[in-house]
Each structure stands twice: as structure tokens, then as C-alpha cells.
N, C-alpha and C. Protein backbone atom coordinates (compact mmCIF):
# COMPACT_ATOMS: atom_id res chain seq x y z
N MET A 1 -17.63 -8.50 16.99
CA MET A 1 -17.11 -7.83 18.21
C MET A 1 -16.53 -6.49 17.86
N LYS A 2 -16.94 -5.44 18.56
CA LYS A 2 -16.43 -4.11 18.28
C LYS A 2 -15.52 -3.69 19.38
N LEU A 3 -14.41 -3.08 19.00
CA LEU A 3 -13.46 -2.52 19.99
C LEU A 3 -13.32 -1.02 19.73
N ARG A 4 -13.16 -0.27 20.81
CA ARG A 4 -12.97 1.16 20.66
C ARG A 4 -11.59 1.45 20.19
N LEU A 5 -11.42 2.56 19.45
CA LEU A 5 -10.13 2.90 18.85
C LEU A 5 -9.01 2.99 19.89
N PRO A 6 -9.14 3.63 21.05
CA PRO A 6 -8.05 3.64 21.98
C PRO A 6 -7.59 2.25 22.43
N ILE A 7 -8.58 1.36 22.59
CA ILE A 7 -8.20 0.00 22.98
C ILE A 7 -7.46 -0.67 21.86
N LEU A 8 -7.89 -0.47 20.62
CA LEU A 8 -7.22 -1.06 19.47
C LEU A 8 -5.77 -0.65 19.38
N LEU A 9 -5.56 0.67 19.48
CA LEU A 9 -4.21 1.18 19.42
C LEU A 9 -3.34 0.67 20.56
N SER A 10 -3.90 0.58 21.70
CA SER A 10 -3.18 0.04 22.85
C SER A 10 -2.77 -1.40 22.64
N ILE A 11 -3.67 -2.20 22.08
CA ILE A 11 -3.39 -3.63 21.82
C ILE A 11 -2.29 -3.77 20.81
N VAL A 12 -2.34 -3.00 19.71
CA VAL A 12 -1.36 -3.11 18.65
C VAL A 12 0.04 -2.75 19.11
N PHE A 13 0.19 -1.72 19.88
CA PHE A 13 1.50 -1.20 20.17
C PHE A 13 2.03 -1.48 21.56
N SER A 14 1.33 -2.24 22.34
CA SER A 14 1.82 -2.60 23.67
C SER A 14 2.64 -3.85 23.63
N LEU A 15 3.58 -3.97 24.57
CA LEU A 15 4.37 -5.19 24.72
C LEU A 15 3.75 -6.04 25.79
N PHE A 16 3.65 -7.32 25.48
CA PHE A 16 3.00 -8.24 26.43
C PHE A 16 4.02 -9.22 26.97
N PHE A 17 3.83 -9.59 28.19
CA PHE A 17 4.74 -10.53 28.89
C PHE A 17 4.58 -11.97 28.37
N PHE A 18 3.34 -12.38 28.11
CA PHE A 18 3.08 -13.78 27.79
C PHE A 18 3.03 -13.96 26.30
N HIS A 19 3.89 -14.83 25.73
CA HIS A 19 3.95 -15.09 24.31
C HIS A 19 3.64 -16.55 23.98
N ILE A 20 2.90 -16.76 22.88
CA ILE A 20 2.60 -18.09 22.40
C ILE A 20 2.98 -18.15 20.92
N ASP A 21 3.82 -19.12 20.51
CA ASP A 21 4.24 -19.19 19.13
C ASP A 21 3.08 -19.59 18.21
N VAL A 22 2.94 -18.89 17.05
CA VAL A 22 1.91 -19.17 16.08
C VAL A 22 2.35 -18.66 14.73
N SER A 23 1.90 -19.25 13.66
CA SER A 23 2.22 -18.78 12.31
C SER A 23 1.30 -17.59 11.97
N ALA A 24 1.82 -16.40 12.06
CA ALA A 24 0.96 -15.20 11.93
C ALA A 24 0.53 -14.93 10.51
N PHE A 25 1.41 -15.12 9.53
CA PHE A 25 1.06 -14.75 8.18
C PHE A 25 1.99 -15.45 7.17
N THR A 26 1.57 -15.48 5.94
CA THR A 26 2.38 -16.02 4.86
C THR A 26 2.55 -14.97 3.81
N LEU A 27 3.49 -15.20 2.86
CA LEU A 27 3.71 -14.33 1.73
C LEU A 27 3.29 -15.09 0.47
N ASP A 28 2.75 -14.36 -0.46
CA ASP A 28 2.32 -14.91 -1.75
C ASP A 28 2.87 -14.07 -2.86
N PRO A 29 3.84 -14.59 -3.64
CA PRO A 29 4.45 -15.93 -3.54
C PRO A 29 5.45 -16.01 -2.38
N SER A 30 5.69 -17.24 -1.96
CA SER A 30 6.64 -17.43 -0.85
C SER A 30 8.01 -17.82 -1.35
N SER A 31 8.20 -18.00 -2.62
CA SER A 31 9.50 -18.36 -3.21
C SER A 31 9.47 -18.03 -4.69
N GLY A 32 10.64 -18.07 -5.34
CA GLY A 32 10.70 -17.78 -6.75
C GLY A 32 11.91 -16.91 -7.05
N SER A 33 11.98 -16.43 -8.26
CA SER A 33 13.11 -15.61 -8.70
C SER A 33 12.63 -14.26 -9.16
N PHE A 34 13.45 -13.22 -8.94
CA PHE A 34 13.18 -11.86 -9.38
C PHE A 34 14.16 -11.52 -10.46
N SER A 35 13.71 -10.88 -11.52
CA SER A 35 14.58 -10.39 -12.56
C SER A 35 15.23 -9.10 -12.12
N GLN A 36 16.54 -9.08 -12.21
CA GLN A 36 17.30 -7.87 -11.76
C GLN A 36 16.80 -6.61 -12.46
N GLY A 37 16.48 -5.61 -11.69
CA GLY A 37 16.02 -4.32 -12.20
C GLY A 37 14.52 -4.20 -12.35
N SER A 38 13.79 -5.27 -12.04
CA SER A 38 12.33 -5.25 -12.17
C SER A 38 11.67 -5.10 -10.80
N SER A 39 10.36 -4.71 -10.85
CA SER A 39 9.61 -4.50 -9.62
C SER A 39 8.61 -5.67 -9.44
N TYR A 40 8.37 -6.01 -8.18
CA TYR A 40 7.49 -7.14 -7.88
C TYR A 40 6.62 -6.80 -6.69
N GLN A 41 5.51 -7.58 -6.50
CA GLN A 41 4.63 -7.39 -5.37
C GLN A 41 4.46 -8.71 -4.64
N LEU A 42 4.48 -8.63 -3.31
CA LEU A 42 4.24 -9.79 -2.42
C LEU A 42 3.01 -9.47 -1.58
N GLU A 43 2.05 -10.33 -1.59
CA GLU A 43 0.85 -10.13 -0.75
C GLU A 43 1.04 -10.82 0.59
N ILE A 44 0.69 -10.12 1.66
CA ILE A 44 0.74 -10.69 3.03
C ILE A 44 -0.64 -11.25 3.34
N LEU A 45 -0.67 -12.57 3.65
CA LEU A 45 -1.94 -13.23 3.90
C LEU A 45 -2.01 -13.72 5.35
N ALA A 46 -3.16 -13.47 5.98
CA ALA A 46 -3.33 -13.81 7.39
C ALA A 46 -3.44 -15.31 7.60
N ASN A 47 -2.86 -15.79 8.68
CA ASN A 47 -3.03 -17.15 9.12
C ASN A 47 -3.25 -17.14 10.64
N PRO A 48 -4.40 -16.64 11.08
CA PRO A 48 -4.60 -16.28 12.49
C PRO A 48 -5.13 -17.45 13.35
N PRO A 49 -4.92 -17.35 14.64
CA PRO A 49 -5.63 -18.25 15.55
C PRO A 49 -7.06 -17.76 15.68
N GLU A 50 -7.91 -18.46 16.43
CA GLU A 50 -9.28 -18.06 16.61
C GLU A 50 -9.36 -16.77 17.41
N ASN A 51 -10.31 -15.94 17.03
CA ASN A 51 -10.60 -14.72 17.77
C ASN A 51 -9.44 -13.69 17.77
N ALA A 52 -8.65 -13.70 16.71
CA ALA A 52 -7.56 -12.69 16.61
C ALA A 52 -8.19 -11.37 16.21
N GLU A 53 -7.91 -10.35 16.99
CA GLU A 53 -8.52 -9.05 16.77
C GLU A 53 -7.54 -8.00 16.22
N ALA A 54 -6.24 -8.30 16.29
CA ALA A 54 -5.24 -7.38 15.81
C ALA A 54 -3.94 -8.14 15.46
N ILE A 55 -3.08 -7.54 14.67
CA ILE A 55 -1.83 -8.15 14.30
C ILE A 55 -0.75 -7.08 14.19
N GLU A 56 0.44 -7.46 14.60
CA GLU A 56 1.63 -6.61 14.43
C GLU A 56 2.60 -7.35 13.47
N VAL A 57 2.91 -6.68 12.36
CA VAL A 57 3.83 -7.28 11.38
C VAL A 57 5.16 -6.53 11.36
N ILE A 58 6.23 -7.27 11.61
CA ILE A 58 7.58 -6.71 11.52
C ILE A 58 8.40 -7.69 10.66
N LEU A 59 8.65 -7.29 9.44
CA LEU A 59 9.25 -8.20 8.46
C LEU A 59 10.50 -7.56 7.87
N ASN A 60 11.62 -8.23 8.04
CA ASN A 60 12.89 -7.70 7.47
C ASN A 60 13.32 -8.52 6.27
N PHE A 61 13.95 -7.86 5.30
CA PHE A 61 14.43 -8.53 4.08
C PHE A 61 15.95 -8.42 4.04
N THR A 62 16.62 -9.52 3.74
CA THR A 62 18.06 -9.50 3.50
C THR A 62 18.31 -9.86 2.04
N GLY A 63 19.35 -9.28 1.47
CA GLY A 63 19.67 -9.53 0.08
C GLY A 63 19.49 -8.30 -0.79
N GLY A 64 19.66 -8.49 -2.11
CA GLY A 64 19.70 -7.37 -3.01
C GLY A 64 18.36 -6.88 -3.52
N ILE A 65 17.48 -6.45 -2.62
CA ILE A 65 16.22 -5.84 -3.04
C ILE A 65 16.01 -4.57 -2.26
N THR A 66 15.15 -3.70 -2.78
CA THR A 66 14.76 -2.46 -2.11
C THR A 66 13.23 -2.40 -2.00
N ILE A 67 12.70 -2.27 -0.81
CA ILE A 67 11.27 -2.12 -0.66
C ILE A 67 10.88 -0.71 -1.00
N THR A 68 9.92 -0.57 -1.91
CA THR A 68 9.54 0.76 -2.39
C THR A 68 8.12 1.14 -1.97
N GLY A 69 7.40 0.20 -1.28
CA GLY A 69 6.06 0.58 -0.89
C GLY A 69 5.34 -0.49 -0.15
N TYR A 70 4.34 -0.10 0.62
CA TYR A 70 3.42 -1.01 1.26
C TYR A 70 2.03 -0.42 1.08
N THR A 71 1.08 -1.22 0.60
CA THR A 71 -0.30 -0.81 0.42
C THR A 71 -1.18 -1.57 1.37
N GLU A 72 -1.86 -0.88 2.26
CA GLU A 72 -2.70 -1.55 3.24
C GLU A 72 -3.97 -2.07 2.60
N PRO A 73 -4.63 -3.05 3.26
CA PRO A 73 -5.84 -3.63 2.69
C PRO A 73 -6.95 -2.59 2.60
N ASP A 74 -7.74 -2.67 1.56
CA ASP A 74 -8.85 -1.73 1.34
C ASP A 74 -10.09 -2.36 1.92
N ASP A 75 -10.23 -2.27 3.24
CA ASP A 75 -11.33 -2.92 3.93
C ASP A 75 -11.62 -2.08 5.18
N SER A 76 -12.87 -1.60 5.24
CA SER A 76 -13.25 -0.71 6.35
C SER A 76 -13.29 -1.41 7.70
N SER A 77 -13.27 -2.76 7.71
CA SER A 77 -13.29 -3.47 8.97
C SER A 77 -12.02 -3.35 9.73
N TRP A 78 -10.98 -2.79 9.11
CA TRP A 78 -9.67 -2.61 9.80
C TRP A 78 -9.64 -1.36 10.62
N GLY A 79 -10.73 -0.68 10.77
CA GLY A 79 -10.77 0.47 11.68
C GLY A 79 -9.89 1.61 11.18
N PRO A 80 -8.86 1.98 11.99
CA PRO A 80 -8.00 3.09 11.60
C PRO A 80 -7.06 2.77 10.47
N GLY A 81 -6.98 1.54 10.04
CA GLY A 81 -6.04 1.17 8.98
C GLY A 81 -4.66 0.82 9.53
N ALA A 82 -3.73 0.64 8.66
CA ALA A 82 -2.34 0.28 9.08
C ALA A 82 -1.63 1.44 9.77
N ILE A 83 -1.06 1.12 10.90
CA ILE A 83 -0.30 2.12 11.65
C ILE A 83 1.16 1.72 11.67
N GLY A 84 2.01 2.56 11.06
CA GLY A 84 3.39 2.27 10.91
C GLY A 84 4.17 2.21 12.24
N SER A 85 5.12 1.25 12.28
CA SER A 85 5.94 1.15 13.52
C SER A 85 7.41 0.95 13.21
N CYS A 86 7.84 1.29 11.96
CA CYS A 86 9.24 1.08 11.59
C CYS A 86 10.18 2.01 12.30
N ASN A 87 9.72 3.20 12.62
CA ASN A 87 10.57 4.21 13.22
C ASN A 87 9.73 5.25 13.94
N VAL A 88 10.39 6.30 14.41
CA VAL A 88 9.68 7.32 15.19
C VAL A 88 8.71 8.12 14.28
N SER A 89 8.92 8.00 12.96
CA SER A 89 8.03 8.72 12.04
C SER A 89 6.81 7.87 11.70
N ASN A 90 6.69 6.68 12.32
CA ASN A 90 5.58 5.78 12.10
C ASN A 90 5.41 5.37 10.66
N ASP A 91 6.58 5.18 9.98
CA ASP A 91 6.51 4.67 8.60
C ASP A 91 6.11 3.19 8.58
N THR A 92 5.42 2.81 7.54
CA THR A 92 5.02 1.40 7.42
C THR A 92 6.07 0.56 6.71
N PHE A 93 7.08 1.21 6.12
CA PHE A 93 8.17 0.46 5.45
C PHE A 93 9.38 1.32 5.38
N THR A 94 10.53 0.60 5.24
CA THR A 94 11.80 1.25 4.96
C THR A 94 12.40 0.50 3.75
N SER A 95 13.63 0.77 3.42
CA SER A 95 14.22 0.13 2.25
C SER A 95 14.34 -1.39 2.36
N ASN A 96 14.38 -1.88 3.58
CA ASN A 96 14.55 -3.33 3.77
C ASN A 96 13.61 -3.92 4.81
N SER A 97 12.58 -3.21 5.18
CA SER A 97 11.66 -3.79 6.22
C SER A 97 10.22 -3.25 6.01
N VAL A 98 9.28 -4.03 6.53
CA VAL A 98 7.85 -3.64 6.54
C VAL A 98 7.38 -3.84 7.97
N CYS A 99 6.80 -2.81 8.57
CA CYS A 99 6.41 -2.91 9.98
C CYS A 99 5.18 -2.03 10.19
N PHE A 100 4.09 -2.67 10.66
CA PHE A 100 2.84 -1.96 10.84
C PHE A 100 1.92 -2.80 11.74
N GLY A 101 0.89 -2.13 12.26
CA GLY A 101 -0.12 -2.79 13.05
C GLY A 101 -1.48 -2.59 12.42
N LEU A 102 -2.31 -3.65 12.48
CA LEU A 102 -3.69 -3.58 12.00
C LEU A 102 -4.58 -4.12 13.06
N ALA A 103 -5.70 -3.49 13.26
CA ALA A 103 -6.68 -3.97 14.25
C ALA A 103 -8.09 -3.93 13.67
N LYS A 104 -8.87 -4.95 13.99
CA LYS A 104 -10.24 -5.02 13.49
C LYS A 104 -11.16 -4.14 14.33
N SER A 105 -12.01 -3.38 13.67
CA SER A 105 -13.03 -2.63 14.42
C SER A 105 -14.35 -3.42 14.44
N VAL A 106 -14.44 -4.40 13.52
CA VAL A 106 -15.62 -5.27 13.43
C VAL A 106 -15.13 -6.66 13.20
N GLY A 107 -15.57 -7.63 14.02
CA GLY A 107 -15.26 -9.01 13.84
C GLY A 107 -13.80 -9.37 14.12
N PHE A 108 -13.37 -10.52 13.58
CA PHE A 108 -12.04 -11.02 13.79
C PHE A 108 -11.28 -11.20 12.47
N ILE A 109 -9.99 -11.37 12.54
CA ILE A 109 -9.20 -11.57 11.34
C ILE A 109 -9.44 -12.97 10.79
N SER A 110 -9.68 -13.09 9.47
CA SER A 110 -9.99 -14.35 8.85
C SER A 110 -8.77 -14.97 8.22
N ASN A 111 -8.75 -16.29 8.13
CA ASN A 111 -7.65 -17.01 7.49
C ASN A 111 -7.66 -16.71 6.00
N GLY A 112 -6.48 -16.36 5.50
CA GLY A 112 -6.33 -16.02 4.08
C GLY A 112 -6.62 -14.53 3.73
N GLU A 113 -7.10 -13.79 4.74
CA GLU A 113 -7.42 -12.37 4.55
C GLU A 113 -6.16 -11.58 4.21
N SER A 114 -6.27 -10.68 3.29
CA SER A 114 -5.12 -9.88 2.90
C SER A 114 -4.75 -8.85 3.98
N LEU A 115 -3.47 -8.78 4.29
CA LEU A 115 -2.96 -7.82 5.22
C LEU A 115 -2.21 -6.70 4.52
N GLY A 116 -2.32 -6.67 3.20
CA GLY A 116 -1.65 -5.65 2.44
C GLY A 116 -0.67 -6.22 1.46
N VAL A 117 -0.09 -5.36 0.62
CA VAL A 117 0.84 -5.76 -0.44
C VAL A 117 2.15 -4.97 -0.34
N ILE A 118 3.24 -5.73 -0.44
CA ILE A 118 4.60 -5.15 -0.42
C ILE A 118 5.06 -4.97 -1.86
N THR A 119 5.62 -3.85 -2.23
CA THR A 119 6.21 -3.60 -3.52
C THR A 119 7.73 -3.49 -3.35
N LEU A 120 8.47 -4.19 -4.21
CA LEU A 120 9.93 -4.16 -4.06
C LEU A 120 10.59 -4.13 -5.43
N THR A 121 11.85 -3.72 -5.48
CA THR A 121 12.63 -3.73 -6.69
C THR A 121 13.84 -4.65 -6.49
N ALA A 122 14.12 -5.51 -7.47
CA ALA A 122 15.24 -6.41 -7.37
C ALA A 122 16.50 -5.66 -7.88
N ASP A 123 17.49 -5.47 -7.00
CA ASP A 123 18.68 -4.68 -7.33
C ASP A 123 19.85 -5.49 -7.80
N SER A 124 20.31 -6.40 -6.97
CA SER A 124 21.53 -7.16 -7.27
C SER A 124 21.33 -8.65 -7.13
N MET A 125 22.06 -9.42 -7.94
CA MET A 125 21.87 -10.86 -7.97
C MET A 125 22.26 -11.52 -6.64
N GLY A 126 21.56 -12.57 -6.30
CA GLY A 126 21.84 -13.29 -5.06
C GLY A 126 20.59 -13.69 -4.37
N ASP A 127 20.71 -14.27 -3.15
CA ASP A 127 19.58 -14.77 -2.38
C ASP A 127 18.93 -13.63 -1.64
N VAL A 128 17.61 -13.73 -1.48
CA VAL A 128 16.80 -12.80 -0.74
C VAL A 128 15.96 -13.56 0.27
N THR A 129 15.96 -13.14 1.50
CA THR A 129 15.18 -13.84 2.53
C THR A 129 14.31 -12.88 3.32
N ALA A 130 13.05 -13.26 3.51
CA ALA A 130 12.12 -12.46 4.34
C ALA A 130 12.09 -13.11 5.71
N ILE A 131 12.37 -12.29 6.77
CA ILE A 131 12.49 -12.85 8.11
C ILE A 131 11.54 -12.08 9.05
N LYS A 132 10.76 -12.83 9.79
CA LYS A 132 9.88 -12.23 10.78
C LYS A 132 10.71 -11.82 12.02
N ALA A 133 10.70 -10.55 12.34
CA ALA A 133 11.51 -10.06 13.45
C ALA A 133 10.71 -10.15 14.75
N SER A 134 11.39 -9.92 15.88
CA SER A 134 10.73 -9.95 17.19
C SER A 134 9.61 -8.92 17.25
N GLY A 135 8.50 -9.33 17.75
CA GLY A 135 7.36 -8.42 17.85
C GLY A 135 6.19 -8.80 16.93
N ASN A 136 6.44 -9.74 15.97
CA ASN A 136 5.37 -10.22 15.14
C ASN A 136 4.34 -10.99 16.00
N GLY A 137 3.11 -10.91 15.62
CA GLY A 137 2.11 -11.74 16.27
C GLY A 137 0.70 -11.18 16.23
N TYR A 138 -0.22 -12.05 16.64
CA TYR A 138 -1.63 -11.66 16.77
C TYR A 138 -1.93 -11.32 18.19
N VAL A 139 -2.98 -10.52 18.37
CA VAL A 139 -3.50 -10.22 19.71
C VAL A 139 -4.84 -10.93 19.87
N VAL A 140 -4.90 -11.80 20.88
CA VAL A 140 -6.10 -12.50 21.22
C VAL A 140 -6.40 -12.30 22.67
N SER A 141 -7.52 -11.66 22.96
CA SER A 141 -7.91 -11.35 24.37
C SER A 141 -6.79 -10.61 25.08
N SER A 142 -6.24 -9.62 24.40
CA SER A 142 -5.19 -8.74 24.93
C SER A 142 -3.85 -9.45 25.20
N VAL A 143 -3.67 -10.61 24.61
CA VAL A 143 -2.40 -11.35 24.74
C VAL A 143 -1.76 -11.44 23.37
N LEU A 144 -0.48 -11.07 23.24
CA LEU A 144 0.26 -11.18 21.99
C LEU A 144 0.71 -12.61 21.79
N GLN A 145 0.27 -13.25 20.73
CA GLN A 145 0.74 -14.57 20.40
C GLN A 145 1.88 -14.44 19.38
N ALA A 146 3.11 -14.55 19.85
CA ALA A 146 4.30 -14.21 19.06
C ALA A 146 4.52 -15.15 17.91
N ASP A 147 5.18 -14.65 16.89
CA ASP A 147 5.42 -15.42 15.68
C ASP A 147 6.84 -15.16 15.19
N SER A 148 7.49 -16.17 14.67
CA SER A 148 8.82 -16.01 14.07
C SER A 148 8.95 -16.98 12.90
N GLY A 149 9.97 -16.79 12.09
CA GLY A 149 10.17 -17.73 10.98
C GLY A 149 10.58 -16.97 9.73
N THR A 150 10.60 -17.76 8.62
CA THR A 150 11.05 -17.24 7.33
C THR A 150 9.92 -17.46 6.28
N PRO A 151 9.06 -16.51 6.09
CA PRO A 151 7.92 -16.71 5.20
C PRO A 151 8.24 -16.64 3.73
N GLY A 152 9.46 -16.16 3.37
CA GLY A 152 9.79 -16.03 1.95
C GLY A 152 11.28 -16.19 1.67
N ILE A 153 11.58 -17.00 0.65
CA ILE A 153 12.98 -17.18 0.15
C ILE A 153 12.93 -17.00 -1.34
N TYR A 154 13.77 -16.07 -1.84
CA TYR A 154 13.77 -15.75 -3.26
C TYR A 154 15.22 -15.68 -3.78
N GLN A 155 15.34 -15.41 -5.10
CA GLN A 155 16.63 -15.22 -5.71
C GLN A 155 16.52 -14.21 -6.80
N VAL A 156 17.48 -13.26 -6.80
CA VAL A 156 17.50 -12.26 -7.87
C VAL A 156 18.44 -12.82 -8.98
N VAL A 157 17.91 -12.95 -10.20
CA VAL A 157 18.67 -13.48 -11.33
C VAL A 157 18.55 -12.48 -12.48
N LEU A 158 19.31 -12.77 -13.55
CA LEU A 158 19.29 -11.89 -14.72
C LEU A 158 17.98 -11.99 -15.50
N SER A 159 17.48 -13.25 -15.64
CA SER A 159 16.33 -13.47 -16.51
C SER A 159 15.00 -13.56 -15.77
N GLY A 160 15.02 -13.64 -14.47
CA GLY A 160 13.81 -13.80 -13.68
C GLY A 160 13.39 -15.23 -13.50
N SER A 161 14.11 -16.15 -14.16
CA SER A 161 13.86 -17.57 -14.00
C SER A 161 15.10 -18.31 -14.48
N LEU A 162 15.07 -19.64 -14.36
CA LEU A 162 16.20 -20.41 -14.83
C LEU A 162 16.35 -20.20 -16.34
N PRO A 163 17.58 -20.00 -16.83
CA PRO A 163 17.74 -19.81 -18.29
C PRO A 163 17.31 -21.03 -19.02
N GLU A 164 16.88 -20.86 -20.29
CA GLU A 164 16.39 -21.97 -21.11
C GLU A 164 17.46 -23.02 -21.35
N THR A 165 18.72 -22.62 -21.29
CA THR A 165 19.82 -23.55 -21.52
C THR A 165 20.14 -24.36 -20.30
N ALA A 166 19.55 -24.03 -19.15
CA ALA A 166 19.85 -24.79 -17.93
C ALA A 166 19.11 -26.10 -17.94
N PHE A 167 19.77 -27.14 -17.33
CA PHE A 167 19.16 -28.46 -17.32
C PHE A 167 18.59 -28.72 -15.93
N THR A 168 17.41 -29.30 -15.92
CA THR A 168 16.86 -29.82 -14.65
C THR A 168 17.50 -31.18 -14.41
N LYS A 169 17.28 -31.76 -13.24
CA LYS A 169 17.86 -33.07 -12.91
C LYS A 169 17.36 -34.11 -13.92
N GLY A 170 16.10 -34.09 -14.27
CA GLY A 170 15.55 -35.05 -15.21
C GLY A 170 16.17 -34.91 -16.58
N GLN A 171 16.31 -33.64 -17.05
CA GLN A 171 16.88 -33.42 -18.37
C GLN A 171 18.33 -33.85 -18.36
N TYR A 172 19.05 -33.62 -17.25
CA TYR A 172 20.42 -34.03 -17.16
C TYR A 172 20.54 -35.53 -17.24
N GLY A 173 19.61 -36.24 -16.59
CA GLY A 173 19.67 -37.69 -16.64
C GLY A 173 19.41 -38.22 -18.03
N ILE A 174 18.45 -37.60 -18.75
CA ILE A 174 18.18 -38.01 -20.13
C ILE A 174 19.41 -37.77 -21.01
N LEU A 175 20.00 -36.58 -20.82
CA LEU A 175 21.17 -36.23 -21.60
C LEU A 175 22.32 -37.19 -21.34
N LEU A 176 22.52 -37.53 -20.03
CA LEU A 176 23.58 -38.44 -19.70
C LEU A 176 23.36 -39.81 -20.27
N GLY A 177 22.08 -40.31 -20.19
CA GLY A 177 21.76 -41.59 -20.76
C GLY A 177 21.96 -41.63 -22.28
N SER A 178 21.55 -40.56 -22.95
CA SER A 178 21.71 -40.49 -24.40
C SER A 178 23.18 -40.51 -24.76
N GLY A 179 23.97 -39.77 -23.97
CA GLY A 179 25.40 -39.75 -24.23
C GLY A 179 26.06 -41.09 -24.08
N MET A 180 25.59 -41.85 -23.06
CA MET A 180 26.16 -43.18 -22.83
C MET A 180 25.81 -44.10 -24.03
N VAL A 181 24.55 -44.04 -24.51
CA VAL A 181 24.16 -44.85 -25.66
C VAL A 181 24.96 -44.47 -26.87
N LEU A 182 25.14 -43.18 -27.12
CA LEU A 182 25.93 -42.75 -28.26
C LEU A 182 27.35 -43.20 -28.16
N ALA A 183 27.94 -43.10 -26.94
CA ALA A 183 29.29 -43.59 -26.75
C ALA A 183 29.43 -45.03 -27.01
N GLY A 184 28.38 -45.85 -26.64
CA GLY A 184 28.40 -47.29 -26.90
C GLY A 184 28.41 -47.58 -28.37
N ILE A 185 27.55 -46.86 -29.12
CA ILE A 185 27.49 -47.05 -30.55
C ILE A 185 28.81 -46.75 -31.22
N VAL A 186 29.43 -45.63 -30.80
CA VAL A 186 30.71 -45.24 -31.39
C VAL A 186 31.77 -46.28 -31.05
N SER A 187 31.71 -46.83 -29.82
CA SER A 187 32.73 -47.80 -29.41
C SER A 187 32.58 -49.08 -30.25
N ILE A 188 31.31 -49.51 -30.46
CA ILE A 188 31.10 -50.75 -31.26
C ILE A 188 31.53 -50.51 -32.72
N PHE A 189 31.21 -49.39 -33.25
CA PHE A 189 31.59 -49.04 -34.61
C PHE A 189 33.11 -49.01 -34.78
N GLY A 190 33.78 -48.41 -33.75
CA GLY A 190 35.24 -48.34 -33.78
C GLY A 190 35.85 -49.73 -33.72
N PHE A 191 35.25 -50.59 -32.86
CA PHE A 191 35.76 -51.96 -32.74
C PHE A 191 35.62 -52.70 -34.07
N TYR A 192 34.49 -52.49 -34.76
CA TYR A 192 34.26 -53.16 -36.02
C TYR A 192 35.26 -52.70 -37.07
N ILE A 193 35.52 -51.42 -37.10
CA ILE A 193 36.45 -50.90 -38.11
C ILE A 193 37.85 -51.46 -37.83
N THR A 194 38.21 -51.45 -36.55
CA THR A 194 39.59 -51.92 -36.20
C THR A 194 39.77 -53.38 -36.52
N ASN A 195 38.76 -54.17 -36.30
CA ASN A 195 38.88 -55.63 -36.44
C ASN A 195 38.24 -56.16 -37.75
N LYS A 196 37.88 -55.33 -38.66
CA LYS A 196 37.32 -55.77 -39.93
C LYS A 196 38.37 -56.62 -40.72
N PRO A 197 37.97 -57.80 -41.18
CA PRO A 197 38.90 -58.63 -41.97
C PRO A 197 39.44 -57.89 -43.19
N LYS A 198 40.75 -58.02 -43.36
CA LYS A 198 41.41 -57.40 -44.53
C LYS A 198 41.48 -58.44 -45.66
N VAL A 199 41.29 -58.02 -46.84
CA VAL A 199 41.37 -58.91 -48.04
C VAL A 199 42.58 -58.51 -48.86
N ILE A 200 43.44 -59.49 -49.09
CA ILE A 200 44.64 -59.26 -49.93
C ILE A 200 44.36 -59.89 -51.29
N GLU A 201 44.28 -59.10 -52.29
CA GLU A 201 43.97 -59.61 -53.63
C GLU A 201 45.19 -60.21 -54.27
N GLN A 202 44.97 -61.31 -54.96
CA GLN A 202 46.07 -61.96 -55.69
C GLN A 202 45.80 -61.85 -57.19
N LYS A 203 46.82 -62.09 -57.92
CA LYS A 203 46.73 -61.88 -59.39
C LYS A 203 45.68 -62.80 -60.06
N ASP A 204 45.50 -63.98 -59.46
CA ASP A 204 44.55 -64.92 -60.09
C ASP A 204 43.08 -64.64 -59.70
N GLY A 205 42.86 -63.53 -58.94
CA GLY A 205 41.49 -63.16 -58.62
C GLY A 205 41.02 -63.65 -57.27
N TRP A 206 41.77 -64.52 -56.66
CA TRP A 206 41.39 -65.01 -55.32
C TRP A 206 41.97 -64.13 -54.27
N GLY A 207 41.31 -64.10 -53.18
CA GLY A 207 41.80 -63.28 -52.09
C GLY A 207 41.93 -64.08 -50.81
N ILE A 208 42.75 -63.55 -49.89
CA ILE A 208 42.96 -64.20 -48.58
C ILE A 208 42.51 -63.24 -47.52
N ASN A 209 41.61 -63.70 -46.62
CA ASN A 209 41.15 -62.91 -45.53
C ASN A 209 42.17 -62.96 -44.38
N LEU A 210 42.49 -61.77 -43.84
CA LEU A 210 43.42 -61.77 -42.69
C LEU A 210 42.67 -61.26 -41.46
């Protein structure tokens, strides 16, 4: 299905009265840890309804990260490419948000199709959440099917992952069980030492157990 450019732009940037909830896209990865001071990339993957011809992405990030870039998909079927909607300058990203529209000039949006890549830098330790803001959604037959939710939850840490000295629940259970066994052995040994029969030697070589 081919759509003319003016119609595509109108679909992407118009507000529609009728909204239907749908999961518009996912992030890959959708969770994990970021090492403080390092840069990372998150790919936006489509999860469209049938016959979706355009999408509007408005994604906000909370927490200690800075968005440093957005790279649109390298696919000529997207027609004019990503059109920024973050501000009056039509930027596709700011320091804490990604906002753009994409419309197909040929065919429809496919499930799992890349909608572009977000580049970010992990600044300060703590939780990071990606939140779909009002206005997200696909356009199907000139109707915006709205989307909301939290496609990504992350954490900025010093090492980029749990430290090697950290215990998982399973490891903690093994450690606790081993400690209990060791404590039991020590207790039995202590009881034996405390209650060991004492031998009093006598001059004639015989002894008496106490």
C-alpha cells in the first residue's frame, strides 16, 4: 500500500479523537544494568497491530542517564524517515526523551521491525525507567491506536552488573546451610571437649576416670 507524503505527514502529526490501547513497541534490552560513565544503545522494536502504516514514538527517561542520540532505521520503505517532534525545532531527542514519527511509504510496519536505536550515557547511580508518554501509538486507517506503559527498567551501577562478591538467593542459601553445618560440628566438638572423662593418675599406675 502506497501513501502520498502529505497524507503520511498528516497521519503522523495529527491528533485523533478515537484511541485504542495497544503495545506499540518494545526496547531491546528491556532491563539490565548500566556501568556509570559508559555509553549504551537501546533498539526500539515494533509490535504493531495489523495494517499499521505509521507510528508516533514519545518516550521519556527518568533517572541518571543522558540521551546522546537517536539513529533512525536505514530502510527506504519509511518514506521521509524519522520526523522529530520533541520541540519546535523538530528534534528527535533531548537529554531525557526520544520523540519522532515514522510512516511507511510502501507496505505496513512489521512485527519486530527496527524503529531506530537510542544512544545514552549512564551518569549517576540509581534506577532508570523508560516511560511511554501521551501520544504514543500506531496509525491504522487514519486512527491513532494509543499506547502507554513502561518498556524499560534499568539501573546505573559502578560495575555494570552485580559485583562478584554479591550473593544470589541460591548462593545465600548454600552459604547459610554450610554455616549451620559448621556450627553444628563446632558445637559437638565443644561438647566433647567439655565432657571428656578426666583421668587422675595414682602412684601405683592405676587411674580413676571422672
